[in-house]
Amino acid sequence: LICVQSMDGRIQVFEQDVHAFTRRLNNALIPGPLCYVAKLDAFVTANSLLEIECYKYQVLASSQSDGSESSAQAPKEEPGRRRLSVSAVKKVTTDWAVCIGEHALDIKVGNFCSERAGQVDILVVGTHCLFAISEGGSIRMQKKLD
């Protein structure tokens, strides 16, 4: 699994050398740190609203693109005929989001506490603080960096 993040906030996912899909993430004006959490089967990233967001892989894969890719595949309407079919468009939604109030510089995943075996912690290095976020999206620890 390879995920490429472009300068306009889109991610491209490749599975075994084949392009799987391209999606535009919410509130992504510039690329930021991006990390895959295998236990959750999800991508965790930072957005321009100073939030950490979690996107489930299945939700990304099943959501509709923003229209730029599917417009070439749409059938052309004939003059004088109305289209009666309605297609549901599933937008990209986050599994959870938490505001950290500062820009994230890096995101790492691991188990950093032996008391919580089997659970993962998401470490976010911000400009002024270090955050430990649970796999459910709550802040477990915040430490100011001096």
C-alpha atoms as a PDB file:
ATOM      1  CA  LEU A   1       0.000   0.000   0.000  1.00  0.00           C
ATOM      2  CA  ILE A   2       1.477   3.326  -1.090  1.00  0.00           C
ATOM      3  CA  CYS A   3      -0.148   6.685  -0.386  1.00  0.00           C
ATOM      4  CA  VAL A   4       1.041   9.847  -2.144  1.00  0.00           C
ATOM      5  CA  GLN A   5      -0.082  13.258  -0.930  1.00  0.00           C
ATOM      6  CA  SER A   6       0.012  16.067  -3.488  1.00  0.00           C
ATOM      7  CA  MET A   7       0.408  19.812  -2.997  1.00  0.00           C
ATOM      8  CA  ASP A   8      -3.340  20.478  -3.377  1.00  0.00           C
ATOM      9  CA  GLY A   9      -4.473  18.165  -0.557  1.00  0.00           C
ATOM     10  CA  ARG A  10      -5.261  15.104  -2.652  1.00  0.00           C
ATOM     11  CA  ILE A  11      -4.086  11.637  -1.797  1.00  0.00           C
ATOM     12  CA  GLN A  12      -3.476   8.886  -4.324  1.00  0.00           C
ATOM     13  CA  VAL A  13      -3.508   5.308  -3.090  1.00  0.00           C
ATOM     14  CA  PHE A  14      -1.740   2.514  -4.938  1.00  0.00           C
ATOM     15  CA  GLU A  15      -2.220  -1.156  -4.152  1.00  0.00           C
ATOM     16  CA  GLN A  16       0.368  -3.549  -5.591  1.00  0.00           C
ATOM     17  CA  ASP A  17       1.562  -1.091  -8.260  1.00  0.00           C
ATOM     18  CA  VAL A  18      -2.005  -0.325  -9.394  1.00  0.00           C
ATOM     19  CA  HIS A  19      -3.685   3.044  -8.844  1.00  0.00           C
ATOM     20  CA  ALA A  20      -6.660   2.334  -6.536  1.00  0.00           C
ATOM     21  CA  PHE A  21      -8.181   5.793  -6.080  1.00  0.00           C
ATOM     22  CA  THR A  22      -7.596   9.530  -5.636  1.00  0.00           C
ATOM     23  CA  ARG A  23      -9.450  11.579  -3.026  1.00  0.00           C
ATOM     24  CA  ARG A  24      -9.349  15.169  -1.832  1.00  0.00           C
ATOM     25  CA  LEU A  25      -9.165  15.423   1.944  1.00  0.00           C
ATOM     26  CA  ASN A  26     -11.297  17.904   3.864  1.00  0.00           C
ATOM     27  CA  ASN A  27      -9.702  21.245   4.834  1.00  0.00           C
ATOM     28  CA  ALA A  28      -6.350  20.331   3.318  1.00  0.00           C
ATOM     29  CA  LEU A  29      -4.832  23.464   1.825  1.00  0.00           C
ATOM     30  CA  ILE A  30      -1.221  22.331   1.994  1.00  0.00           C
ATOM     31  CA  PRO A  31       0.237  18.859   2.537  1.00  0.00           C
ATOM     32  CA  GLY A  32       0.983  17.897   6.092  1.00  0.00           C
ATOM     33  CA  PRO A  33       2.141  14.847   8.017  1.00  0.00           C
ATOM     34  CA  LEU A  34       0.364  11.638   7.076  1.00  0.00           C
ATOM     35  CA  CYS A  35       0.567   8.264   8.794  1.00  0.00           C
ATOM     36  CA  TYR A  36      -1.105   4.881   8.245  1.00  0.00           C
ATOM     37  CA  VAL A  37      -2.396   3.106  11.366  1.00  0.00           C
ATOM     38  CA  ALA A  38      -2.538  -0.605  10.535  1.00  0.00           C
ATOM     39  CA  LYS A  39      -4.609  -1.585  13.578  1.00  0.00           C
ATOM     40  CA  LEU A  40      -7.348   0.885  12.619  1.00  0.00           C
ATOM     41  CA  ASP A  41      -6.868   0.446   8.848  1.00  0.00           C
ATOM     42  CA  ALA A  42      -6.921   4.227   8.648  1.00  0.00           C
ATOM     43  CA  PHE A  43      -4.865   7.255   7.660  1.00  0.00           C
ATOM     44  CA  VAL A  44      -4.172   9.935  10.271  1.00  0.00           C
ATOM     45  CA  THR A  45      -3.244  13.389   9.034  1.00  0.00           C
ATOM     46  CA  ALA A  46      -3.190  17.048  10.020  1.00  0.00           C
ATOM     47  CA  ASN A  47      -5.331  19.653   8.278  1.00  0.00           C
ATOM     48  CA  SER A  48      -5.236  23.428   7.896  1.00  0.00           C
ATOM     49  CA  LEU A  49      -7.681  23.945  10.795  1.00  0.00           C
ATOM     50  CA  LEU A  50      -4.989  22.745  13.254  1.00  0.00           C
ATOM     51  CA  GLU A  51      -6.796  19.425  13.688  1.00  0.00           C
ATOM     52  CA  ILE A  52      -5.685  15.812  13.553  1.00  0.00           C
ATOM     53  CA  GLU A  53      -8.082  13.749  11.446  1.00  0.00           C
ATOM     54  CA  CYS A  54      -8.566  10.017  11.008  1.00  0.00           C
ATOM     55  CA  TYR A  55      -9.879   8.635   7.709  1.00  0.00           C
ATOM     56  CA  LYS A  56     -10.847   4.956   7.533  1.00  0.00           C
ATOM     57  CA  TYR A  57      -9.439   3.262   4.441  1.00  0.00           C
ATOM     58  CA  GLN A  58     -12.794   1.676   3.555  1.00  0.00           C
ATOM     59  CA  VAL A  59     -14.552   5.062   3.714  1.00  0.00           C
ATOM     60  CA  LEU A  60     -11.921   6.615   1.447  1.00  0.00           C
ATOM     61  CA  ALA A  61     -12.110   3.732  -1.002  1.00  0.00           C
ATOM     62  CA  SER A  62     -15.914   3.756  -1.197  1.00  0.00           C
ATOM     63  CA  SER A  63     -16.432   7.531  -1.301  1.00  0.00           C
ATOM     64  CA  GLN A  64     -17.072   9.354  -4.532  1.00  0.00           C
ATOM     65  CA  SER A  65     -14.373  11.604  -5.923  1.00  0.00           C
ATOM     66  CA  ASP A  66     -15.007  15.338  -6.118  1.00  0.00           C
ATOM     67  CA  GLY A  67     -16.135  15.103  -9.729  1.00  0.00           C
ATOM     68  CA  SER A  68     -12.939  15.957 -11.540  1.00  0.00           C
ATOM     69  CA  GLU A  69     -12.208  12.309 -12.308  1.00  0.00           C
ATOM     70  CA  SER A  70     -15.694  10.930 -12.825  1.00  0.00           C
ATOM     71  CA  SER A  71     -16.881  13.678 -15.193  1.00  0.00           C
ATOM     72  CA  ALA A  72     -15.173  12.020 -18.168  1.00  0.00           C
ATOM     73  CA  GLN A  73     -17.028   8.772 -17.436  1.00  0.00           C
ATOM     74  CA  ALA A  74     -20.481  10.354 -17.132  1.00  0.00           C
ATOM     75  CA  PRO A  75     -22.812   9.629 -20.033  1.00  0.00           C
ATOM     76  CA  LYS A  76     -23.739  12.587 -22.203  1.00  0.00           C
ATOM     77  CA  GLU A  77     -27.335  13.741 -22.143  1.00  0.00           C
ATOM     78  CA  GLU A  78     -29.303  13.647 -25.347  1.00  0.00           C
ATOM     79  CA  PRO A  79     -31.142  16.844 -26.330  1.00  0.00           C
ATOM     80  CA  GLY A  80     -34.781  16.750 -25.217  1.00  0.00           C
ATOM     81  CA  ARG A  81     -34.291  13.879 -22.721  1.00  0.00           C
ATOM     82  CA  ARG A  82     -34.193  14.224 -18.968  1.00  0.00           C
ATOM     83  CA  ARG A  83     -32.083  11.977 -16.816  1.00  0.00           C
ATOM     84  CA  LEU A  84     -34.285  10.159 -14.353  1.00  0.00           C
ATOM     85  CA  SER A  85     -31.606   8.229 -12.511  1.00  0.00           C
ATOM     86  CA  VAL A  86     -30.340   9.495  -9.214  1.00  0.00           C
ATOM     87  CA  SER A  87     -26.914   8.499  -8.014  1.00  0.00           C
ATOM     88  CA  ALA A  88     -25.876   8.867  -4.420  1.00  0.00           C
ATOM     89  CA  VAL A  89     -22.580  10.609  -3.856  1.00  0.00           C
ATOM     90  CA  LYS A  90     -20.780   9.626  -0.693  1.00  0.00           C
ATOM     91  CA  LYS A  91     -18.382  12.352   0.392  1.00  0.00           C
ATOM     92  CA  VAL A  92     -15.152  11.724   2.274  1.00  0.00           C
ATOM     93  CA  THR A  93     -15.924  11.765   5.995  1.00  0.00           C
ATOM     94  CA  THR A  94     -13.591  11.566   8.940  1.00  0.00           C
ATOM     95  CA  ASP A  95     -13.805   8.837  11.539  1.00  0.00           C
ATOM     96  CA  TRP A  96     -12.735  11.364  14.175  1.00  0.00           C
ATOM     97  CA  ALA A  97     -11.021  14.738  14.428  1.00  0.00           C
ATOM     98  CA  VAL A  98      -9.381  16.460  17.382  1.00  0.00           C
ATOM     99  CA  CYS A  99      -8.196  20.071  17.539  1.00  0.00           C
ATOM    100  CA  ILE A 100      -4.630  20.471  18.822  1.00  0.00           C
ATOM    101  CA  GLY A 101      -4.453  24.245  18.307  1.00  0.00           C
ATOM    102  CA  GLU A 102      -1.077  24.283  16.572  1.00  0.00           C
ATOM    103  CA  HIS A 103       0.562  23.034  13.407  1.00  0.00           C
ATOM    104  CA  ALA A 104       1.584  19.391  13.408  1.00  0.00           C
ATOM    105  CA  LEU A 105       5.129  18.681  12.294  1.00  0.00           C
ATOM    106  CA  ASP A 106       5.106  14.864  12.432  1.00  0.00           C
ATOM    107  CA  ILE A 107       2.813  11.951  13.288  1.00  0.00           C
ATOM    108  CA  LYS A 108       4.026   8.543  14.511  1.00  0.00           C
ATOM    109  CA  VAL A 109       2.153   5.442  15.662  1.00  0.00           C
ATOM    110  CA  GLY A 110       3.110   2.866  18.271  1.00  0.00           C
ATOM    111  CA  ASN A 111       2.401   1.391  21.677  1.00  0.00           C
ATOM    112  CA  PHE A 112       4.146   3.679  24.141  1.00  0.00           C
ATOM    113  CA  CYS A 113       2.635   2.379  27.398  1.00  0.00           C
ATOM    114  CA  SER A 114       2.973  -1.233  28.540  1.00  0.00           C
ATOM    115  CA  GLU A 115      -0.173  -0.919  30.674  1.00  0.00           C
ATOM    116  CA  ARG A 116      -2.324  -0.578  27.537  1.00  0.00           C
ATOM    117  CA  ALA A 117      -1.153  -3.640  25.625  1.00  0.00           C
ATOM    118  CA  GLY A 118      -2.991  -4.075  22.340  1.00  0.00           C
ATOM    119  CA  GLN A 119      -3.842  -0.397  21.970  1.00  0.00           C
ATOM    120  CA  VAL A 120      -2.009   2.060  19.789  1.00  0.00           C
ATOM    121  CA  ASP A 121      -1.010   5.610  20.585  1.00  0.00           C
ATOM    122  CA  ILE A 122      -0.743   8.295  17.944  1.00  0.00           C
ATOM    123  CA  LEU A 123       2.082  10.708  18.752  1.00  0.00           C
ATOM    124  CA  VAL A 124       1.839  14.155  17.194  1.00  0.00           C
ATOM    125  CA  VAL A 125       4.768  16.537  17.363  1.00  0.00           C
ATOM    126  CA  GLY A 126       3.428  20.071  17.198  1.00  0.00           C
ATOM    127  CA  THR A 127       5.284  23.374  17.017  1.00  0.00           C
ATOM    128  CA  HIS A 128       5.125  23.803  20.803  1.00  0.00           C
ATOM    129  CA  CYS A 129       3.718  20.555  22.267  1.00  0.00           C
ATOM    130  CA  LEU A 130       3.873  16.792  22.047  1.00  0.00           C
ATOM    131  CA  PHE A 131       0.466  15.075  21.970  1.00  0.00           C
ATOM    132  CA  ALA A 132      -0.478  11.438  22.580  1.00  0.00           C
ATOM    133  CA  ILE A 133      -3.836  10.675  21.013  1.00  0.00           C
ATOM    134  CA  SER A 134      -5.812   7.483  21.564  1.00  0.00           C
ATOM    135  CA  GLU A 135      -7.028   5.348  18.691  1.00  0.00           C
ATOM    136  CA  GLY A 136     -10.505   6.749  19.339  1.00  0.00           C
ATOM    137  CA  GLY A 137      -9.391  10.368  18.902  1.00  0.00           C
ATOM    138  CA  SER A 138      -9.105  11.649  22.469  1.00  0.00           C
ATOM    139  CA  ILE A 139      -5.985  13.397  23.756  1.00  0.00           C
ATOM    140  CA  ARG A 140      -4.322  11.173  26.368  1.00  0.00           C
ATOM    141  CA  MET A 141      -1.342  13.383  27.081  1.00  0.00           C
ATOM    142  CA  GLN A 142      -0.020  16.808  26.167  1.00  0.00           C
ATOM    143  CA  LYS A 143       3.517  17.898  27.004  1.00  0.00           C
ATOM    144  CA  LYS A 144       4.874  21.370  26.338  1.00  0.00           C
ATOM    145  CA  LEU A 145       8.218  21.370  24.558  1.00  0.00           C
ATOM    146  CA  ASP A 146      10.720  23.886  25.902  1.00  0.00           C
END
